[in-house]
Amino acid sequence: MKLEQFNQVSIAEAKKQIAHCVALHDWVTALVAQRPFASLEALLQCGDNLARQWDARSLAQALSAHPRIGEKAQGQAKEAALSLGEQSGVNVDDHPLKQALKAGNAAYEQRFGQVFLIRAKGRSGEEILSELQRRLANDPQRELQEALDQLREITLLRLKETFQ
């Protein structure tokens, strides 16, 4: 979709065009309400500003659409297809890596009570595993901030790709 089209379509259609970026209806609604955007940069800046308002509840809601790292996304939604592509560095036949990610995911979920979230696009499986292991040492408040930062990165990457 072109930015000019996004600026001109109905509110419902505009929401539909960016809903795959993050499973947060309030963010999608707020971003659409800010139209028209003069440039992609203006759109991304607005999306970033809105994302910086997210909190623990926002993260919990958004995580409902994210699979565990190293596992295949479920469902037919656009988010599932995006997650599969974004995790392409992990989708290998490296059994030890997959086992290490599975163990790391379990440890993370036990420690923080949520799915480990990372911008996987452009990272290898080994890089992701290293980040997972590093973040296991975070205190809960620090980890909340890191997870929110990762969610923001994922969302803005998807938003940018929607209009390129």
N, C-alpha and C. Protein backbone atom coordinates (compact mmCIF):
# COMPACT_ATOMS: atom_id res chain seq x y z
N MET A 1 0.84 -1.18 0.00
CA MET A 1 0.00 0.00 0.00
C MET A 1 0.89 1.24 0.00
N LYS A 2 0.46 2.21 -0.70
CA LYS A 2 1.15 3.50 -0.73
C LYS A 2 0.64 4.38 0.41
N LEU A 3 1.51 5.22 0.91
CA LEU A 3 1.14 6.11 2.01
C LEU A 3 -0.02 7.02 1.61
N GLU A 4 -0.03 7.48 0.37
CA GLU A 4 -1.11 8.35 -0.09
C GLU A 4 -2.46 7.63 0.00
N GLN A 5 -2.48 6.36 -0.35
CA GLN A 5 -3.72 5.58 -0.26
C GLN A 5 -4.13 5.42 1.20
N PHE A 6 -3.17 5.11 2.06
CA PHE A 6 -3.43 4.94 3.48
C PHE A 6 -4.06 6.22 4.05
N ASN A 7 -3.56 7.36 3.63
CA ASN A 7 -4.09 8.64 4.11
C ASN A 7 -5.52 8.87 3.68
N GLN A 8 -5.95 8.25 2.58
CA GLN A 8 -7.25 8.57 2.00
C GLN A 8 -8.34 7.52 2.23
N VAL A 9 -7.97 6.30 2.58
CA VAL A 9 -8.99 5.27 2.74
C VAL A 9 -9.80 5.50 4.03
N SER A 10 -10.88 4.78 4.15
CA SER A 10 -11.72 4.90 5.35
C SER A 10 -10.93 4.50 6.60
N ILE A 11 -11.45 4.90 7.74
CA ILE A 11 -10.81 4.54 9.01
C ILE A 11 -10.72 3.02 9.13
N ALA A 12 -11.81 2.34 8.84
CA ALA A 12 -11.82 0.87 8.96
C ALA A 12 -10.78 0.24 8.03
N GLU A 13 -10.69 0.72 6.82
CA GLU A 13 -9.72 0.16 5.87
C GLU A 13 -8.29 0.47 6.30
N ALA A 14 -8.06 1.67 6.80
CA ALA A 14 -6.71 2.04 7.26
C ALA A 14 -6.30 1.15 8.44
N LYS A 15 -7.21 0.90 9.36
CA LYS A 15 -6.91 0.01 10.49
C LYS A 15 -6.57 -1.39 9.99
N LYS A 16 -7.33 -1.85 9.04
CA LYS A 16 -7.10 -3.18 8.46
C LYS A 16 -5.71 -3.27 7.83
N GLN A 17 -5.26 -2.19 7.21
CA GLN A 17 -3.98 -2.19 6.51
C GLN A 17 -2.78 -2.28 7.46
N ILE A 18 -2.94 -1.85 8.72
CA ILE A 18 -1.80 -1.86 9.64
C ILE A 18 -2.01 -2.76 10.86
N ALA A 19 -3.14 -3.45 10.92
CA ALA A 19 -3.45 -4.29 12.08
C ALA A 19 -2.41 -5.38 12.32
N HIS A 20 -1.76 -5.83 11.27
CA HIS A 20 -0.75 -6.90 11.40
C HIS A 20 0.54 -6.43 12.07
N CYS A 21 0.70 -5.14 12.24
CA CYS A 21 1.94 -4.62 12.82
C CYS A 21 2.07 -4.97 14.29
N VAL A 22 0.96 -4.98 15.01
CA VAL A 22 0.97 -5.30 16.44
C VAL A 22 -0.47 -5.60 16.86
N ALA A 23 -0.63 -6.53 17.77
CA ALA A 23 -1.97 -6.90 18.25
C ALA A 23 -2.42 -5.97 19.37
N LEU A 24 -2.41 -4.68 19.05
CA LEU A 24 -2.85 -3.65 20.01
C LEU A 24 -3.80 -2.70 19.29
N HIS A 25 -5.08 -2.95 19.47
CA HIS A 25 -6.11 -2.18 18.79
C HIS A 25 -6.00 -0.68 19.10
N ASP A 26 -5.68 -0.34 20.34
CA ASP A 26 -5.59 1.09 20.72
C ASP A 26 -4.48 1.80 19.95
N TRP A 27 -3.35 1.13 19.75
CA TRP A 27 -2.24 1.72 19.00
C TRP A 27 -2.65 1.93 17.55
N VAL A 28 -3.27 0.91 16.96
CA VAL A 28 -3.71 1.00 15.56
C VAL A 28 -4.71 2.15 15.42
N THR A 29 -5.67 2.23 16.31
CA THR A 29 -6.69 3.28 16.26
C THR A 29 -6.06 4.67 16.40
N ALA A 30 -5.15 4.81 17.35
CA ALA A 30 -4.50 6.11 17.57
C ALA A 30 -3.65 6.53 16.37
N LEU A 31 -2.96 5.57 15.77
CA LEU A 31 -2.12 5.91 14.62
C LEU A 31 -2.98 6.33 13.43
N VAL A 32 -4.05 5.59 13.18
CA VAL A 32 -4.95 5.94 12.07
C VAL A 32 -5.57 7.32 12.30
N ALA A 33 -5.86 7.65 13.54
CA ALA A 33 -6.47 8.95 13.85
C ALA A 33 -5.55 10.12 13.56
N GLN A 34 -4.26 9.87 13.45
CA GLN A 34 -3.28 10.94 13.20
C GLN A 34 -3.11 11.25 11.70
N ARG A 35 -3.76 10.51 10.84
CA ARG A 35 -3.65 10.77 9.41
C ARG A 35 -4.15 12.16 9.07
N PRO A 36 -3.66 12.77 8.01
CA PRO A 36 -2.72 12.26 7.02
C PRO A 36 -1.26 12.48 7.45
N PHE A 37 -0.40 11.64 6.90
CA PHE A 37 1.03 11.74 7.15
C PHE A 37 1.71 12.27 5.90
N ALA A 38 2.60 13.22 6.09
CA ALA A 38 3.30 13.85 4.96
C ALA A 38 4.36 12.94 4.37
N SER A 39 4.87 12.00 5.19
CA SER A 39 5.95 11.14 4.71
C SER A 39 5.97 9.86 5.53
N LEU A 40 6.70 8.89 5.03
CA LEU A 40 6.88 7.64 5.77
C LEU A 40 7.58 7.93 7.10
N GLU A 41 8.53 8.83 7.09
CA GLU A 41 9.24 9.19 8.31
C GLU A 41 8.28 9.75 9.36
N ALA A 42 7.34 10.58 8.94
CA ALA A 42 6.35 11.15 9.87
C ALA A 42 5.46 10.05 10.43
N LEU A 43 5.06 9.11 9.60
CA LEU A 43 4.25 7.98 10.05
C LEU A 43 5.02 7.16 11.08
N LEU A 44 6.28 6.84 10.78
CA LEU A 44 7.09 6.04 11.69
C LEU A 44 7.35 6.77 13.00
N GLN A 45 7.57 8.07 12.95
CA GLN A 45 7.79 8.85 14.17
C GLN A 45 6.54 8.84 15.04
N CYS A 46 5.40 9.00 14.43
CA CYS A 46 4.14 8.98 15.18
C CYS A 46 3.94 7.58 15.79
N GLY A 47 4.18 6.54 14.99
CA GLY A 47 4.05 5.18 15.51
C GLY A 47 4.99 4.93 16.67
N ASP A 48 6.20 5.43 16.57
CA ASP A 48 7.18 5.29 17.64
C ASP A 48 6.73 6.02 18.90
N ASN A 49 6.27 7.25 18.74
CA ASN A 49 5.80 8.03 19.90
C ASN A 49 4.65 7.31 20.61
N LEU A 50 3.72 6.78 19.84
CA LEU A 50 2.59 6.06 20.44
C LEU A 50 3.07 4.78 21.13
N ALA A 51 4.03 4.10 20.53
CA ALA A 51 4.54 2.85 21.10
C ALA A 51 5.28 3.08 22.41
N ARG A 52 5.86 4.22 22.57
CA ARG A 52 6.60 4.53 23.80
C ARG A 52 5.66 4.72 25.00
N GLN A 53 4.37 4.70 24.76
CA GLN A 53 3.39 4.81 25.83
C GLN A 53 2.95 3.43 26.34
N TRP A 54 3.42 2.38 25.71
CA TRP A 54 3.01 1.03 26.10
C TRP A 54 3.50 0.69 27.50
N ASP A 55 2.76 -0.21 28.15
CA ASP A 55 3.09 -0.66 29.49
C ASP A 55 2.98 -2.18 29.57
N ALA A 56 3.05 -2.72 30.77
CA ALA A 56 3.01 -4.18 30.95
C ALA A 56 1.73 -4.78 30.38
N ARG A 57 0.62 -4.11 30.55
CA ARG A 57 -0.64 -4.63 30.01
C ARG A 57 -0.60 -4.65 28.48
N SER A 58 -0.05 -3.63 27.87
CA SER A 58 0.09 -3.59 26.42
C SER A 58 0.94 -4.77 25.94
N LEU A 59 2.04 -5.00 26.64
CA LEU A 59 2.93 -6.11 26.27
C LEU A 59 2.20 -7.44 26.36
N ALA A 60 1.48 -7.66 27.44
CA ALA A 60 0.76 -8.92 27.61
C ALA A 60 -0.25 -9.12 26.48
N GLN A 61 -0.94 -8.08 26.10
CA GLN A 61 -1.92 -8.17 25.02
C GLN A 61 -1.23 -8.47 23.69
N ALA A 62 -0.15 -7.80 23.41
CA ALA A 62 0.56 -7.98 22.14
C ALA A 62 1.19 -9.36 22.04
N LEU A 63 1.64 -9.90 23.16
CA LEU A 63 2.30 -11.21 23.14
C LEU A 63 1.36 -12.32 22.72
N SER A 64 0.07 -12.08 22.77
CA SER A 64 -0.89 -13.11 22.35
C SER A 64 -0.72 -13.48 20.88
N ALA A 65 -0.09 -12.61 20.09
CA ALA A 65 0.09 -12.86 18.67
C ALA A 65 1.51 -13.31 18.32
N HIS A 66 2.36 -13.54 19.32
CA HIS A 66 3.75 -13.90 19.06
C HIS A 66 4.04 -15.33 19.48
N PRO A 67 4.60 -16.12 18.54
CA PRO A 67 4.99 -17.48 18.90
C PRO A 67 6.29 -17.47 19.70
N ARG A 68 6.58 -18.58 20.31
CA ARG A 68 7.88 -18.73 20.98
C ARG A 68 8.98 -18.72 19.92
N ILE A 69 10.12 -18.15 20.28
CA ILE A 69 11.26 -18.15 19.38
C ILE A 69 11.65 -19.60 19.10
N GLY A 70 11.83 -19.91 17.82
CA GLY A 70 12.22 -21.26 17.42
C GLY A 70 11.05 -22.18 17.16
N GLU A 71 9.83 -21.72 17.40
CA GLU A 71 8.65 -22.52 17.13
C GLU A 71 7.87 -21.89 16.00
N LYS A 72 7.16 -22.72 15.25
CA LYS A 72 6.39 -22.20 14.14
C LYS A 72 5.17 -21.45 14.64
N ALA A 73 4.90 -20.34 13.97
CA ALA A 73 3.72 -19.56 14.29
C ALA A 73 2.48 -20.37 13.92
N GLN A 74 1.45 -20.22 14.70
CA GLN A 74 0.20 -20.92 14.47
C GLN A 74 -0.80 -20.00 13.80
N GLY A 75 -1.71 -20.59 13.05
CA GLY A 75 -2.81 -19.83 12.47
C GLY A 75 -2.49 -19.29 11.09
N GLN A 76 -3.51 -18.70 10.52
CA GLN A 76 -3.42 -18.18 9.16
C GLN A 76 -3.33 -16.67 9.11
N ALA A 77 -3.33 -16.02 10.25
CA ALA A 77 -3.29 -14.56 10.29
C ALA A 77 -1.98 -14.05 9.70
N LYS A 78 -2.02 -12.81 9.25
CA LYS A 78 -0.83 -12.20 8.66
C LYS A 78 0.32 -12.16 9.67
N GLU A 79 -0.01 -11.98 10.96
CA GLU A 79 1.04 -11.96 12.00
C GLU A 79 1.81 -13.28 12.03
N ALA A 80 1.10 -14.40 11.85
CA ALA A 80 1.76 -15.71 11.86
C ALA A 80 2.74 -15.83 10.70
N ALA A 81 2.32 -15.39 9.53
CA ALA A 81 3.20 -15.44 8.36
C ALA A 81 4.41 -14.53 8.56
N LEU A 82 4.19 -13.35 9.12
CA LEU A 82 5.29 -12.43 9.37
C LEU A 82 6.28 -13.03 10.37
N SER A 83 5.77 -13.60 11.44
CA SER A 83 6.64 -14.19 12.45
C SER A 83 7.49 -15.30 11.86
N LEU A 84 6.90 -16.11 11.01
CA LEU A 84 7.65 -17.20 10.38
C LEU A 84 8.82 -16.63 9.57
N GLY A 85 8.57 -15.60 8.79
CA GLY A 85 9.63 -14.99 8.00
C GLY A 85 10.66 -14.28 8.85
N GLU A 86 10.20 -13.61 9.89
CA GLU A 86 11.11 -12.86 10.76
C GLU A 86 12.04 -13.79 11.53
N GLN A 87 11.58 -15.00 11.79
CA GLN A 87 12.40 -15.96 12.53
C GLN A 87 13.17 -16.90 11.59
N SER A 88 13.36 -16.50 10.36
CA SER A 88 14.01 -17.39 9.40
C SER A 88 15.42 -17.77 9.83
N GLY A 89 16.09 -16.96 10.63
CA GLY A 89 17.42 -17.30 11.12
C GLY A 89 17.40 -18.44 12.12
N VAL A 90 16.22 -18.73 12.66
CA VAL A 90 16.08 -19.80 13.65
C VAL A 90 15.52 -21.05 13.01
N ASN A 91 14.82 -20.92 11.91
CA ASN A 91 14.15 -22.04 11.28
C ASN A 91 15.14 -22.88 10.48
N VAL A 92 16.02 -23.51 11.21
CA VAL A 92 17.03 -24.37 10.60
C VAL A 92 16.92 -25.75 11.21
N ASP A 93 17.61 -26.68 10.65
CA ASP A 93 17.60 -28.05 11.16
C ASP A 93 18.70 -28.28 12.18
N ASP A 94 19.03 -27.26 12.92
CA ASP A 94 20.07 -27.34 13.95
C ASP A 94 19.42 -27.81 15.25
N HIS A 95 19.43 -29.11 15.46
CA HIS A 95 18.76 -29.68 16.62
C HIS A 95 19.30 -29.13 17.95
N PRO A 96 20.62 -29.04 18.15
CA PRO A 96 21.10 -28.47 19.42
C PRO A 96 20.62 -27.03 19.65
N LEU A 97 20.60 -26.22 18.60
CA LEU A 97 20.11 -24.85 18.73
C LEU A 97 18.64 -24.84 19.11
N LYS A 98 17.84 -25.64 18.44
CA LYS A 98 16.42 -25.69 18.75
C LYS A 98 16.19 -26.17 20.18
N GLN A 99 16.96 -27.13 20.63
CA GLN A 99 16.83 -27.62 22.00
C GLN A 99 17.23 -26.54 23.00
N ALA A 100 18.30 -25.81 22.70
CA ALA A 100 18.75 -24.74 23.59
C ALA A 100 17.70 -23.62 23.65
N LEU A 101 17.10 -23.29 22.51
CA LEU A 101 16.06 -22.27 22.50
C LEU A 101 14.83 -22.74 23.27
N LYS A 102 14.48 -24.01 23.11
CA LYS A 102 13.34 -24.55 23.84
C LYS A 102 13.58 -24.47 25.35
N ALA A 103 14.77 -24.85 25.79
CA ALA A 103 15.11 -24.78 27.22
C ALA A 103 15.14 -23.33 27.69
N GLY A 104 15.71 -22.45 26.87
CA GLY A 104 15.75 -21.03 27.21
C GLY A 104 14.37 -20.42 27.30
N ASN A 105 13.49 -20.77 26.35
CA ASN A 105 12.12 -20.28 26.39
C ASN A 105 11.43 -20.71 27.69
N ALA A 106 11.62 -21.97 28.06
CA ALA A 106 10.99 -22.48 29.29
C ALA A 106 11.52 -21.74 30.52
N ALA A 107 12.82 -21.53 30.57
CA ALA A 107 13.41 -20.81 31.71
C ALA A 107 12.91 -19.37 31.75
N TYR A 108 12.84 -18.75 30.60
CA TYR A 108 12.36 -17.36 30.52
C TYR A 108 10.91 -17.27 30.99
N GLU A 109 10.07 -18.16 30.48
CA GLU A 109 8.67 -18.13 30.86
C GLU A 109 8.48 -18.39 32.35
N GLN A 110 9.28 -19.27 32.90
CA GLN A 110 9.20 -19.53 34.33
C GLN A 110 9.63 -18.29 35.13
N ARG A 111 10.67 -17.63 34.67
CA ARG A 111 11.20 -16.47 35.39
C ARG A 111 10.31 -15.24 35.26
N PHE A 112 9.83 -14.98 34.02
CA PHE A 112 9.12 -13.72 33.77
C PHE A 112 7.62 -13.88 33.50
N GLY A 113 7.16 -15.12 33.34
CA GLY A 113 5.73 -15.35 33.15
C GLY A 113 5.17 -14.91 31.81
N GLN A 114 6.03 -14.84 30.81
CA GLN A 114 5.58 -14.45 29.46
C GLN A 114 6.53 -15.03 28.43
N VAL A 115 6.10 -14.98 27.19
CA VAL A 115 6.91 -15.45 26.06
C VAL A 115 8.09 -14.50 25.85
N PHE A 116 9.25 -15.05 25.57
CA PHE A 116 10.43 -14.24 25.23
C PHE A 116 10.18 -13.55 23.90
N LEU A 117 10.38 -12.26 23.86
CA LEU A 117 10.14 -11.47 22.66
C LEU A 117 11.42 -10.78 22.24
N ILE A 118 11.75 -10.95 20.96
CA ILE A 118 12.93 -10.30 20.41
C ILE A 118 12.67 -10.02 18.93
N ARG A 119 13.22 -8.92 18.45
CA ARG A 119 13.17 -8.67 17.00
C ARG A 119 14.12 -9.67 16.37
N ALA A 120 13.57 -10.71 15.78
CA ALA A 120 14.37 -11.80 15.24
C ALA A 120 14.90 -11.49 13.84
N LYS A 121 14.21 -10.63 13.12
CA LYS A 121 14.61 -10.36 11.74
C LYS A 121 16.04 -9.84 11.69
N GLY A 122 16.86 -10.49 10.86
CA GLY A 122 18.24 -10.07 10.70
C GLY A 122 19.19 -10.67 11.72
N ARG A 123 18.68 -11.49 12.62
CA ARG A 123 19.53 -12.13 13.63
C ARG A 123 19.59 -13.62 13.38
N SER A 124 20.74 -14.18 13.65
CA SER A 124 20.89 -15.63 13.54
C SER A 124 20.31 -16.30 14.77
N GLY A 125 20.09 -17.58 14.67
CA GLY A 125 19.61 -18.34 15.81
C GLY A 125 20.56 -18.24 17.00
N GLU A 126 21.85 -18.25 16.72
CA GLU A 126 22.84 -18.15 17.79
C GLU A 126 22.79 -16.79 18.47
N GLU A 127 22.59 -15.73 17.69
CA GLU A 127 22.47 -14.38 18.27
C GLU A 127 21.22 -14.28 19.15
N ILE A 128 20.15 -14.87 18.69
CA ILE A 128 18.91 -14.85 19.47
C ILE A 128 19.09 -15.62 20.77
N LEU A 129 19.71 -16.79 20.69
CA LEU A 129 19.96 -17.58 21.89
C LEU A 129 20.82 -16.81 22.87
N SER A 130 21.84 -16.14 22.38
CA SER A 130 22.71 -15.35 23.24
C SER A 130 21.94 -14.24 23.96
N GLU A 131 21.06 -13.56 23.22
CA GLU A 131 20.23 -12.51 23.82
C GLU A 131 19.27 -13.09 24.85
N LEU A 132 18.70 -14.23 24.55
CA LEU A 132 17.79 -14.89 25.48
C LEU A 132 18.52 -15.21 26.78
N GLN A 133 19.71 -15.75 26.67
CA GLN A 133 20.49 -16.09 27.86
C GLN A 133 20.89 -14.84 28.64
N ARG A 134 21.26 -13.78 27.93
CA ARG A 134 21.62 -12.53 28.60
C ARG A 134 20.43 -11.94 29.35
N ARG A 135 19.29 -11.95 28.71
CA ARG A 135 18.11 -11.32 29.31
C ARG A 135 17.54 -12.10 30.48
N LEU A 136 17.88 -13.37 30.58
CA LEU A 136 17.45 -14.16 31.74
C LEU A 136 18.01 -13.59 33.04
N ALA A 137 19.10 -12.84 32.95
CA ALA A 137 19.72 -12.25 34.14
C ALA A 137 19.09 -10.91 34.53
N ASN A 138 18.21 -10.38 33.70
CA ASN A 138 17.56 -9.10 34.00
C ASN A 138 16.65 -9.22 35.22
N ASP A 139 16.49 -8.09 35.92
CA ASP A 139 15.44 -8.05 36.93
C ASP A 139 14.12 -7.81 36.19
N PRO A 140 12.98 -8.07 36.81
CA PRO A 140 11.70 -7.97 36.10
C PRO A 140 11.43 -6.60 35.48
N GLN A 141 11.79 -5.52 36.14
CA GLN A 141 11.54 -4.19 35.59
C GLN A 141 12.39 -3.93 34.34
N ARG A 142 13.66 -4.31 34.42
CA ARG A 142 14.55 -4.15 33.27
C ARG A 142 14.07 -5.00 32.10
N GLU A 143 13.62 -6.21 32.39
CA GLU A 143 13.14 -7.09 31.32
C GLU A 143 11.86 -6.56 30.70
N LEU A 144 11.00 -6.00 31.50
CA LEU A 144 9.79 -5.39 30.94
C LEU A 144 10.17 -4.31 29.94
N GLN A 145 11.13 -3.47 30.28
CA GLN A 145 11.55 -2.41 29.37
C GLN A 145 12.18 -2.98 28.10
N GLU A 146 13.02 -3.99 28.25
CA GLU A 146 13.64 -4.59 27.06
C GLU A 146 12.59 -5.23 26.15
N ALA A 147 11.62 -5.92 26.74
CA ALA A 147 10.57 -6.54 25.94
C ALA A 147 9.72 -5.48 25.22
N LEU A 148 9.41 -4.39 25.92
CA LEU A 148 8.67 -3.30 25.28
C LEU A 148 9.47 -2.68 24.14
N ASP A 149 10.77 -2.53 24.34
CA ASP A 149 11.63 -1.99 23.27
C ASP A 149 11.63 -2.93 22.06
N GLN A 150 11.68 -4.22 22.31
CA GLN A 150 11.68 -5.19 21.21
C GLN A 150 10.33 -5.17 20.49
N LEU A 151 9.24 -5.08 21.25
CA LEU A 151 7.92 -5.00 20.63
C LEU A 151 7.82 -3.76 19.75
N ARG A 152 8.34 -2.65 20.23
CA ARG A 152 8.33 -1.41 19.44
C ARG A 152 9.13 -1.59 18.15
N GLU A 153 10.32 -2.20 18.26
CA GLU A 153 11.14 -2.43 17.06
C GLU A 153 10.41 -3.30 16.04
N ILE A 154 9.80 -4.38 16.51
CA ILE A 154 9.06 -5.28 15.62
C ILE A 154 7.92 -4.53 14.94
N THR A 155 7.18 -3.78 15.72
CA THR A 155 6.03 -3.05 15.20
C THR A 155 6.45 -2.03 14.15
N LEU A 156 7.48 -1.27 14.44
CA LEU A 156 7.92 -0.24 13.49
C LEU A 156 8.53 -0.85 12.23
N LEU A 157 9.20 -1.97 12.38
CA LEU A 157 9.73 -2.68 11.20
C LEU A 157 8.59 -3.13 10.31
N ARG A 158 7.57 -3.71 10.89
CA ARG A 158 6.40 -4.14 10.11
C ARG A 158 5.68 -2.96 9.48
N LEU A 159 5.57 -1.87 10.21
CA LEU A 159 4.92 -0.68 9.68
C LEU A 159 5.68 -0.13 8.49
N LYS A 160 6.99 -0.05 8.63
CA LYS A 160 7.83 0.44 7.53
C LYS A 160 7.70 -0.46 6.30
N GLU A 161 7.75 -1.75 6.52
CA GLU A 161 7.66 -2.70 5.40
C GLU A 161 6.30 -2.64 4.72
N THR A 162 5.26 -2.26 5.43
CA THR A 162 3.93 -2.15 4.86
C THR A 162 3.88 -1.10 3.76
N PHE A 163 4.69 -0.05 3.90
CA PHE A 163 4.63 1.07 2.97
C PHE A 163 5.85 1.15 2.04
N GLN A 164 6.66 0.14 2.02
CA GLN A 164 7.81 0.16 1.09
C GLN A 164 7.57 -0.72 -0.10
